[in-house]
Amino acid sequence: MSSTTIDHKIVLVLVGLPARGKSYIAHKVLSYFRWQGIRADIFNVGKFRRKIMKDEPKQAAEFFASDNAGGANRREELAMAVLDELIAWSCADKQPSVAIFDATNTTNARRRNVVDRLSSAQLSLYPIFVESICDSEEVLEKNLLQKIRNSPDYADMSELDALVDLKARIKNYENVYEPLEDDSLSYIKLINLRAKVICNLVYGALAHQIVNLLMSTHIQPRPIWLTRPGTVVKAVSPASMEDRRGSGLLFKVTDVAPLDEKGRDYAKKLSAFIRARCPSDVKIHCSTLGRSHETVKDFCAEHDAQVSEVVLWSALNNLDTGICHGMTPAQIKESMPEEFQDFMANPFTYRVPNGESYSDLVKRLDPFVLHMERTTEPMLIVSHMSVLQVLMGYFCDKTWNEIAKARFPPGVVVQLTPSHYGWKEEFFRLEDGDTTGLTPLKGGWAGGSEGRKHYEK
């Protein structure tokens, strides 16, 4: 494939032994492109095998043995059936898409079969192979335990029996494993995730976005806290504030007023919250509006040794509401019913006259999201409702309808922590009378509790 080829129909073909993080990578890519409004989906061979063979005896390690001709033929048939489904999905329309073929694909013969089948599709599909290699024994042991505890293949087995079976399955794959070394193919080779990345014949905007994302991805545990700034002096009337909270929409007043008494009290509580939960360095990121960095001023003054970085990002500024600036949703609905209806019909692409759409906001936040993925230290982010909605939409794998209707009231801190299956979300309202400043907020964000779990198959 030449560098001039348009890469608007990508097929990401995963390569690697079981428990090497393939499905973790797949769901990272899936969430990232869906968040950007690009059509994306995962086609998982293990999931399909369990569905098709649900009435047959559970497939133990022997099914995956290299000398089991019947098992090998069946596995190839299942893989090609899933690939055909992927091709049909990719060719269903001409819009850009990212399809992810989640399987071991450990031999050169299998990979050639994949390329040949894709080349026969009615539309031009661009295969990029992604090989995940892990040589850290500590990480592998954790991955194995995560897999046997969460994969349906081991649901009815003891942990010890499941571990023995999984290691036997991996040994069978190792007997036929051929590393990805064909330089005529487009590929990305990941060694211990982002520790070492090798790219070959990877061209185009979407493909480079994949590389940037994978080079940013790691599993280092660290919290990310999201919150709105403290309230400000005469920001809006109580009635219009209540109206905005109830709707969960984006149209909000932007102002440069200082924090009021309640806002300053919240800043102190936020400082205590972070101090209680994080003894190490904290990176602080705020919008450029005064109320954002005023909210973290107390923390920075009291815990200077604990603050490794404070950065103002214009990308974290609120959605530009254009001609609707300063209006409540009720006012917009009454005075501009057609604009309000257009927004409700398509909240992702609708652009406020002389302002921004959610899609514009995603493009603006994209570099910051990759920065969040790369960062290994705890982070505190102080921004505004529309921005926090969009950030939560990415990390918690929400649909755009969920994002548009999400509640993110003042005085609430969301804590995100990474896992092998996405991000865990916890909500805290910093209320009076709680000596720790930590009060769990039940019900979660947009009525949800925790991000979707992703299982490595």
Protein backbone atom coordinates (compact mmCIF):
# COMPACT_ATOMS: atom_id res chain seq x y z
CA MET A 1 0.00 0.00 0.00
CA SER A 2 1.38 3.38 -0.98
CA SER A 3 1.47 6.40 1.28
CA THR A 4 -1.11 8.08 -0.96
CA THR A 5 -3.77 5.43 -0.30
CA ILE A 6 -6.80 6.73 1.55
CA ASP A 7 -7.07 4.77 4.80
CA HIS A 8 -10.72 5.48 5.56
CA LYS A 9 -11.61 1.75 5.91
CA ILE A 10 -9.16 0.25 8.40
CA VAL A 11 -9.16 -3.36 9.56
CA LEU A 12 -7.05 -3.76 12.69
CA VAL A 13 -5.90 -7.39 12.87
CA LEU A 14 -4.66 -8.33 16.34
CA VAL A 15 -1.80 -10.82 16.74
CA GLY A 16 -0.54 -12.47 19.92
CA LEU A 17 -0.74 -15.27 22.43
CA PRO A 18 -3.63 -15.38 24.92
CA ALA A 19 -3.39 -13.03 27.93
CA ARG A 20 -1.18 -10.53 26.09
CA GLY A 21 -3.64 -7.65 26.23
CA LYS A 22 -5.14 -7.95 22.75
CA SER A 23 -8.72 -7.32 23.83
CA TYR A 24 -7.57 -4.49 26.12
CA ILE A 25 -6.01 -2.85 23.06
CA ALA A 26 -9.11 -3.57 20.99
CA HIS A 27 -11.42 -1.82 23.42
CA LYS A 28 -9.08 1.14 23.78
CA VAL A 29 -9.21 1.66 20.03
CA LEU A 30 -12.96 1.07 19.93
CA SER A 31 -13.73 3.64 22.64
CA TYR A 32 -11.40 6.20 21.09
CA PHE A 33 -12.91 6.13 17.61
CA ARG A 34 -16.52 5.86 18.74
CA TRP A 35 -15.88 8.89 20.93
CA GLN A 36 -14.73 10.72 17.82
CA GLY A 37 -17.92 9.81 15.99
CA ILE A 38 -16.19 7.32 13.69
CA ARG A 39 -17.92 4.01 13.05
CA ALA A 40 -16.02 1.24 14.87
CA ASP A 41 -16.64 -2.28 16.13
CA ILE A 42 -14.88 -5.39 17.46
CA PHE A 43 -15.21 -8.84 15.88
CA ASN A 44 -14.07 -11.33 18.49
CA VAL A 45 -13.48 -14.93 17.39
CA GLY A 46 -13.53 -16.33 20.95
CA LYS A 47 -16.95 -14.84 21.60
CA PHE A 48 -18.26 -16.23 18.31
CA ARG A 49 -16.83 -19.69 19.08
CA ARG A 50 -18.64 -19.82 22.41
CA LYS A 51 -21.89 -18.77 20.75
CA ILE A 52 -21.70 -21.32 17.91
CA MET A 53 -20.43 -24.17 20.11
CA LYS A 54 -22.54 -23.43 23.19
CA ASP A 55 -24.29 -26.82 22.98
CA GLU A 56 -21.02 -28.73 22.60
CA PRO A 57 -18.59 -29.70 25.38
CA LYS A 58 -16.55 -26.72 26.61
CA GLN A 59 -13.36 -26.32 24.59
CA ALA A 60 -10.44 -27.30 26.81
CA ALA A 61 -6.75 -26.85 25.94
CA GLU A 62 -6.78 -29.93 23.66
CA PHE A 63 -9.10 -28.13 21.24
CA PHE A 64 -6.28 -25.64 20.59
CA ALA A 65 -3.51 -28.22 20.16
CA SER A 66 -1.50 -27.97 16.94
CA ASP A 67 -1.78 -31.74 16.31
CA ASN A 68 -5.58 -31.65 16.65
CA ALA A 69 -6.47 -31.45 12.94
CA GLY A 70 -10.20 -31.38 13.59
CA GLY A 71 -9.85 -28.58 16.13
CA ALA A 72 -7.53 -26.59 13.85
CA ASN A 73 -9.97 -26.83 10.94
CA ARG A 74 -12.88 -25.79 13.13
CA ARG A 75 -10.97 -22.83 14.54
CA GLU A 76 -10.07 -21.69 11.01
CA GLU A 77 -13.69 -21.97 9.88
CA LEU A 78 -14.88 -19.93 12.84
CA ALA A 79 -12.20 -17.27 12.31
CA MET A 80 -13.07 -16.88 8.62
CA ALA A 81 -16.78 -16.68 9.43
CA VAL A 82 -16.08 -13.81 11.82
CA LEU A 83 -13.84 -12.17 9.21
CA ASP A 84 -16.66 -12.40 6.64
CA GLU A 85 -18.97 -10.70 9.13
CA LEU A 86 -16.34 -7.97 9.59
CA ILE A 87 -16.06 -7.47 5.83
CA ALA A 88 -19.83 -7.20 5.41
CA TRP A 89 -19.97 -4.65 8.24
CA SER A 90 -17.09 -2.60 6.79
CA CYS A 91 -18.65 -2.53 3.33
CA ALA A 92 -22.16 -1.70 4.52
CA ASP A 93 -21.52 1.98 3.82
CA LYS A 94 -18.76 4.19 2.47
CA GLN A 95 -18.17 6.19 5.65
CA PRO A 96 -14.79 5.92 7.44
CA SER A 97 -14.66 2.95 9.80
CA VAL A 98 -12.33 0.96 12.02
CA ALA A 99 -13.05 -2.77 12.31
CA ILE A 100 -11.04 -4.80 14.83
CA PHE A 101 -10.41 -8.51 14.22
CA ASP A 102 -9.75 -9.86 17.71
CA ALA A 103 -8.11 -13.30 17.49
CA THR A 104 -4.69 -14.84 18.06
CA ASN A 105 -3.70 -14.87 14.34
CA THR A 106 -0.39 -16.43 15.36
CA THR A 107 0.76 -18.00 12.06
CA ASN A 108 1.89 -16.55 8.77
CA ALA A 109 -0.64 -18.77 6.96
CA ARG A 110 -3.55 -17.35 8.96
CA ARG A 111 -2.38 -13.79 8.39
CA ARG A 112 -2.06 -14.40 4.65
CA ASN A 113 -5.57 -15.86 4.60
CA VAL A 114 -6.81 -12.70 6.31
CA VAL A 115 -5.10 -10.43 3.76
CA ASP A 116 -6.39 -12.47 0.80
CA ARG A 117 -9.95 -12.45 2.11
CA LEU A 118 -9.89 -8.71 2.76
CA SER A 119 -8.52 -8.01 -0.71
CA SER A 120 -11.58 -9.66 -2.24
CA ALA A 121 -14.00 -7.24 -0.55
CA GLN A 122 -16.09 -4.92 -2.70
CA LEU A 123 -14.53 -1.85 -1.04
CA SER A 124 -10.84 -1.19 -0.46
CA LEU A 125 -10.00 -2.28 3.09
CA TYR A 126 -6.69 -1.40 4.72
CA PRO A 127 -5.39 -4.15 7.04
CA ILE A 128 -3.01 -3.14 9.82
CA PHE A 129 -1.67 -5.93 12.02
CA VAL A 130 -1.06 -5.15 15.69
CA GLU A 131 1.15 -7.68 17.50
CA SER A 132 1.15 -7.53 21.30
CA ILE A 133 4.20 -9.07 23.00
CA CYS A 134 4.64 -9.22 26.76
CA ASP A 135 7.84 -10.61 28.30
CA SER A 136 7.27 -9.34 31.85
CA GLU A 137 6.57 -12.35 34.08
CA GLU A 138 4.89 -10.15 36.69
CA VAL A 139 2.50 -8.63 34.15
CA LEU A 140 1.81 -12.03 32.58
CA GLU A 141 0.83 -13.57 35.90
CA LYS A 142 -1.59 -10.72 36.54
CA ASN A 143 -3.01 -11.07 33.02
CA LEU A 144 -3.51 -14.81 33.44
CA LEU A 145 -5.40 -14.32 36.70
CA GLN A 146 -7.53 -11.57 35.19
CA LYS A 147 -8.40 -13.82 32.25
CA ILE A 148 -9.42 -16.91 34.23
CA ARG A 149 -11.46 -14.79 36.64
CA ASN A 150 -13.39 -13.01 33.91
CA SER A 151 -13.46 -15.14 30.74
CA PRO A 152 -16.62 -17.24 30.23
CA ASP A 153 -14.34 -20.13 29.18
CA TYR A 154 -13.45 -20.62 32.85
CA ALA A 155 -16.71 -19.67 34.53
CA ASP A 156 -17.36 -23.17 35.95
CA MET A 157 -13.79 -24.11 36.86
CA SER A 158 -11.74 -23.69 39.99
CA GLU A 159 -9.01 -21.08 39.75
CA LEU A 160 -6.27 -23.71 39.90
CA ASP A 161 -7.82 -25.91 37.17
CA ALA A 162 -8.50 -22.85 35.01
CA LEU A 163 -4.90 -21.69 35.34
CA VAL A 164 -3.56 -25.13 34.35
CA ASP A 165 -5.87 -25.25 31.32
CA LEU A 166 -5.03 -21.71 30.20
CA LYS A 167 -1.28 -22.32 30.43
CA ALA A 168 -1.73 -25.53 28.41
CA ARG A 169 -3.70 -23.59 25.79
CA ILE A 170 -0.96 -20.95 25.60
CA LYS A 171 1.66 -23.72 25.21
CA ASN A 172 -0.30 -25.09 22.23
CA TYR A 173 -0.27 -21.66 20.60
CA GLU A 174 3.43 -21.20 21.35
CA ASN A 175 4.20 -24.42 19.44
CA VAL A 176 3.00 -22.83 16.18
CA TYR A 177 3.57 -19.14 16.94
CA GLU A 178 5.36 -17.16 14.22
CA PRO A 179 6.29 -13.58 15.10
CA LEU A 180 5.12 -10.85 12.78
CA GLU A 181 8.15 -10.24 10.52
CA ASP A 182 6.66 -9.92 7.02
CA ASP A 183 7.67 -6.40 6.00
CA SER A 184 5.29 -6.44 3.04
CA LEU A 185 2.47 -6.05 5.58
CA SER A 186 1.42 -2.92 7.44
CA TYR A 187 1.97 -3.59 11.12
CA ILE A 188 2.47 -2.16 14.57
CA LYS A 189 4.47 -4.25 17.02
CA LEU A 190 3.94 -3.48 20.72
CA ILE A 191 6.43 -4.87 23.23
CA ASN A 192 5.11 -4.47 26.78
CA LEU A 193 2.50 -2.05 25.46
CA ARG A 194 4.19 1.30 24.82
CA ALA A 195 7.66 0.35 26.14
CA LYS A 196 8.78 -0.41 22.59
CA VAL A 197 6.76 0.30 19.45
CA ILE A 198 7.77 -0.71 15.93
CA CYS A 199 5.78 0.51 12.93
CA ASN A 200 6.00 -0.73 9.35
CA LEU A 201 4.16 0.72 6.32
CA VAL A 202 1.62 2.56 8.47
CA TYR A 203 0.14 5.43 6.47
CA GLY A 204 -2.82 7.78 6.70
CA ALA A 205 -4.57 9.96 9.26
CA LEU A 206 -6.66 7.28 10.97
CA ALA A 207 -3.71 4.87 11.10
CA HIS A 208 -1.50 7.52 12.68
CA GLN A 209 -4.20 8.23 15.25
CA ILE A 210 -4.09 4.54 16.18
CA VAL A 211 -0.32 4.71 16.59
CA ASN A 212 -0.58 7.84 18.76
CA LEU A 213 -3.19 6.17 20.96
CA LEU A 214 -1.21 2.94 21.37
CA MET A 215 1.97 4.86 22.17
CA SER A 216 0.04 6.66 24.93
CA THR A 217 -1.57 3.57 26.47
CA HIS A 218 -0.33 2.02 29.71
CA ILE A 219 -1.77 0.26 32.75
CA GLN A 220 0.03 2.20 35.47
CA PRO A 221 -2.47 2.63 38.34
CA ARG A 222 -3.27 6.26 39.13
CA PRO A 223 -6.41 8.27 39.92
CA ILE A 224 -7.85 10.99 37.73
CA TRP A 225 -10.21 13.45 39.43
CA LEU A 226 -12.70 15.55 37.48
CA THR A 227 -14.66 18.44 38.94
CA ARG A 228 -16.30 21.71 38.06
CA PRO A 229 -14.99 24.96 39.55
CA GLY A 230 -16.53 26.47 42.64
CA THR A 231 -19.57 28.70 42.21
CA VAL A 232 -19.01 32.36 41.44
CA VAL A 233 -20.49 35.68 42.50
CA LYS A 234 -23.83 36.29 40.76
CA ALA A 235 -23.09 33.73 38.04
CA VAL A 236 -26.76 33.10 37.24
CA SER A 237 -30.08 33.39 39.01
CA PRO A 238 -31.20 30.46 41.17
CA ALA A 239 -34.09 29.74 38.82
CA SER A 240 -31.95 29.49 35.71
CA MET A 241 -29.31 27.44 37.57
CA GLU A 242 -32.01 24.95 38.54
CA ASP A 243 -33.27 24.91 34.98
CA ARG A 244 -29.81 24.11 33.63
CA ARG A 245 -29.14 21.36 36.17
CA GLY A 246 -32.37 19.61 35.37
CA SER A 247 -31.80 19.55 31.61
CA GLY A 248 -28.18 18.38 31.53
CA LEU A 249 -27.68 20.29 28.27
CA LEU A 250 -24.72 22.36 27.21
CA PHE A 251 -25.99 25.91 27.00
CA LYS A 252 -24.45 27.73 29.96
CA VAL A 253 -23.31 31.15 31.08
CA THR A 254 -19.57 31.85 30.88
CA ASP A 255 -18.26 34.54 33.23
CA VAL A 256 -15.08 35.87 34.79
CA ALA A 257 -16.51 36.57 38.25
CA PRO A 258 -14.54 35.47 41.34
CA LEU A 259 -15.62 32.59 43.54
CA ASP A 260 -18.38 33.38 46.00
CA GLU A 261 -18.36 32.18 49.63
CA LYS A 262 -19.79 28.79 48.68
CA GLY A 263 -17.21 28.47 45.88
CA ARG A 264 -14.32 29.28 48.22
CA ASP A 265 -15.65 26.72 50.71
CA TYR A 266 -15.74 24.12 47.97
CA ALA A 267 -12.14 24.93 47.01
CA LYS A 268 -11.08 24.16 50.61
CA LYS A 269 -13.01 20.90 50.65
CA LEU A 270 -11.50 19.91 47.31
CA SER A 271 -8.04 20.56 48.73
CA ALA A 272 -8.78 18.30 51.72
CA PHE A 273 -10.22 15.63 49.43
CA ILE A 274 -7.09 15.46 47.25
CA ARG A 275 -4.73 15.62 50.22
CA ALA A 276 -6.55 12.71 51.93
CA ARG A 277 -6.42 10.52 48.84
CA CYS A 278 -3.04 11.29 47.34
CA PRO A 279 0.20 11.63 49.30
CA SER A 280 2.28 11.79 46.11
CA ASP A 281 2.67 14.45 43.41
CA VAL A 282 -0.45 15.66 41.63
CA LYS A 283 -0.65 17.18 38.18
CA ILE A 284 -3.34 19.87 38.02
CA HIS A 285 -4.99 20.94 34.77
CA CYS A 286 -7.52 23.78 34.54
CA SER A 287 -9.37 25.77 31.95
CA THR A 288 -8.11 29.31 31.39
CA LEU A 289 -11.14 30.84 33.12
CA GLY A 290 -10.32 32.48 36.44
CA ARG A 291 -12.76 30.45 38.53
CA SER A 292 -10.99 27.21 37.51
CA HIS A 293 -7.51 28.08 38.76
CA GLU A 294 -8.98 29.99 41.72
CA THR A 295 -10.59 26.69 42.75
CA VAL A 296 -7.18 24.99 43.04
CA LYS A 297 -5.33 27.99 44.49
CA ASP A 298 -5.78 26.81 48.09
CA PHE A 299 -4.44 23.36 47.31
CA CYS A 300 -1.42 24.77 45.51
CA ALA A 301 -0.67 27.19 48.36
CA GLU A 302 -1.05 24.60 51.13
CA HIS A 303 0.57 21.65 49.39
CA ASP A 304 3.19 23.14 47.11
CA ALA A 305 5.47 20.11 47.50
CA GLN A 306 2.57 17.89 46.46
CA VAL A 307 1.88 19.76 43.19
CA SER A 308 4.19 18.68 40.39
CA GLU A 309 2.52 20.74 37.69
CA VAL A 310 -0.30 23.27 37.17
CA VAL A 311 -1.23 23.85 33.54
CA LEU A 312 -3.95 26.04 32.04
CA TRP A 313 -5.45 24.55 28.88
CA SER A 314 -7.70 26.54 26.56
CA ALA A 315 -8.88 23.12 25.35
CA LEU A 316 -10.60 22.76 28.74
CA ASN A 317 -12.68 25.90 28.26
CA ASN A 318 -16.42 25.44 28.02
CA LEU A 319 -18.26 24.78 24.76
CA ASP A 320 -18.61 27.98 22.73
CA THR A 321 -22.39 28.49 22.66
CA GLY A 322 -22.27 31.21 20.01
CA ILE A 323 -25.48 33.22 19.70
CA CYS A 324 -26.95 31.19 22.59
CA HIS A 325 -24.37 32.49 25.04
CA GLY A 326 -25.94 33.35 28.39
CA MET A 327 -29.27 31.67 27.59
CA THR A 328 -30.84 28.82 29.52
CA PRO A 329 -32.21 25.75 27.67
CA ALA A 330 -35.76 26.92 28.40
CA GLN A 331 -35.04 30.29 26.83
CA ILE A 332 -33.49 28.66 23.77
CA LYS A 333 -36.40 26.26 23.38
CA GLU A 334 -38.86 29.16 23.56
CA SER A 335 -37.07 31.68 21.37
CA MET A 336 -35.22 29.34 18.97
CA PRO A 337 -37.35 26.17 18.74
CA GLU A 338 -35.85 25.00 15.44
CA GLU A 339 -32.28 25.27 16.75
CA PHE A 340 -33.27 23.44 19.94
CA GLN A 341 -34.96 20.68 17.94
CA ASP A 342 -31.91 20.29 15.68
CA PHE A 343 -29.66 19.91 18.70
CA MET A 344 -31.91 17.30 20.31
CA ALA A 345 -32.03 15.35 17.02
CA ASN A 346 -28.24 15.12 16.70
CA PRO A 347 -26.29 16.39 19.72
CA PHE A 348 -22.91 15.25 18.34
CA THR A 349 -22.82 17.16 15.06
CA TYR A 350 -25.20 20.05 15.75
CA ARG A 351 -23.26 23.31 15.80
CA VAL A 352 -24.62 26.34 17.62
CA PRO A 353 -24.69 29.32 15.21
CA ASN A 354 -21.35 31.12 15.58
CA GLY A 355 -20.35 28.49 18.13
CA GLU A 356 -19.20 24.87 18.48
CA SER A 357 -20.64 21.37 18.27
CA TYR A 358 -19.78 18.37 20.42
CA SER A 359 -17.78 17.15 17.44
CA ASP A 360 -15.73 20.36 17.50
CA LEU A 361 -15.20 19.94 21.23
CA VAL A 362 -13.94 16.37 20.75
CA LYS A 363 -11.38 17.58 18.19
CA ARG A 364 -10.29 20.28 20.62
CA LEU A 365 -9.96 17.79 23.49
CA ASP A 366 -8.25 15.01 21.52
CA PRO A 367 -4.64 16.08 22.33
CA PHE A 368 -5.60 16.49 25.99
CA VAL A 369 -7.16 13.01 26.15
CA LEU A 370 -3.94 11.49 24.79
CA HIS A 371 -2.03 13.51 27.40
CA MET A 372 -4.29 12.01 30.08
CA GLU A 373 -3.64 8.52 28.73
CA ARG A 374 0.14 9.07 28.73
CA THR A 375 0.36 10.53 32.22
CA THR A 376 1.39 8.15 35.00
CA GLU A 377 0.92 10.53 37.98
CA PRO A 378 -2.40 11.40 39.68
CA MET A 379 -4.28 14.18 37.87
CA LEU A 380 -6.83 16.77 38.97
CA ILE A 381 -8.85 18.36 36.18
CA VAL A 382 -10.99 21.42 36.88
CA SER A 383 -13.20 22.30 33.94
CA HIS A 384 -16.81 22.91 32.94
CA MET A 385 -19.86 20.77 32.40
CA SER A 386 -19.70 20.30 28.62
CA VAL A 387 -15.99 19.43 28.75
CA LEU A 388 -16.42 17.03 31.68
CA GLN A 389 -19.36 15.37 29.90
CA VAL A 390 -17.17 14.74 26.86
CA LEU A 391 -14.20 13.48 28.90
CA MET A 392 -16.43 11.12 30.86
CA GLY A 393 -17.94 9.95 27.60
CA TYR A 394 -14.51 8.80 26.46
CA PHE A 395 -13.28 7.16 29.65
CA CYS A 396 -16.59 5.50 30.54
CA ASP A 397 -17.56 4.46 27.01
CA LYS A 398 -20.85 6.39 26.84
CA THR A 399 -23.02 6.97 23.80
CA TRP A 400 -23.54 10.51 22.56
CA ASN A 401 -27.16 10.49 23.68
CA GLU A 402 -25.94 9.57 27.18
CA ILE A 403 -23.31 12.31 27.06
CA ALA A 404 -25.81 14.98 25.99
CA LYS A 405 -28.17 14.14 28.85
CA ALA A 406 -25.55 13.64 31.53
CA ARG A 407 -25.68 15.42 34.88
CA PHE A 408 -22.46 16.84 36.29
CA PRO A 409 -23.58 19.11 39.14
CA PRO A 410 -21.29 21.52 40.99
CA GLY A 411 -19.71 20.25 44.20
CA VAL A 412 -19.13 16.73 42.87
CA VAL A 413 -15.79 15.01 42.27
CA VAL A 414 -15.54 12.04 39.92
CA GLN A 415 -12.63 9.69 40.52
CA LEU A 416 -11.50 7.50 37.62
CA THR A 417 -9.09 4.60 38.15
CA PRO A 418 -7.85 2.29 35.37
CA SER A 419 -8.22 -1.47 35.27
CA HIS A 420 -7.73 -4.23 32.72
CA TYR A 421 -11.36 -3.76 31.72
CA GLY A 422 -11.72 -0.02 31.31
CA TRP A 423 -12.07 2.68 33.96
CA LYS A 424 -13.84 2.46 37.29
CA GLU A 425 -15.83 5.57 38.15
CA GLU A 426 -16.68 6.76 41.66
CA PHE A 427 -18.65 9.86 42.60
CA PHE A 428 -18.23 12.02 45.70
CA ARG A 429 -20.22 15.03 46.84
CA LEU A 430 -18.15 17.19 49.19
CA GLU A 431 -20.73 18.01 51.85
CA ASP A 432 -20.76 19.62 55.29
CA GLY A 433 -20.48 17.42 58.34
CA ASP A 434 -18.20 14.81 56.77
CA THR A 435 -14.84 15.02 58.52
CA THR A 436 -13.12 13.27 55.62
CA GLY A 437 -14.85 15.36 52.99
CA LEU A 438 -15.71 12.15 51.16
CA THR A 439 -19.38 11.32 50.62
CA PRO A 440 -20.13 8.75 47.91
CA LEU A 441 -22.77 9.97 45.47
CA LYS A 442 -25.10 7.10 44.60
CA GLY A 443 -26.64 6.74 41.17
CA GLY A 444 -23.49 7.65 39.31
CA TRP A 445 -23.14 9.64 36.16
CA ALA A 446 -26.07 9.74 33.73
CA GLY A 447 -27.71 7.07 35.86
CA GLY A 448 -24.77 4.73 35.43
CA SER A 449 -22.36 3.28 37.94
CA GLU A 450 -19.27 1.82 36.33
CA GLY A 451 -17.85 1.77 32.83
CA ARG A 452 -18.55 -1.28 30.71
CA LYS A 453 -16.37 -4.29 31.43
CA HIS A 454 -14.23 -5.61 28.62
CA TYR A 455 -13.10 -9.22 28.65
CA GLU A 456 -10.06 -10.53 26.85
CA LYS A 457 -11.26 -13.55 24.91
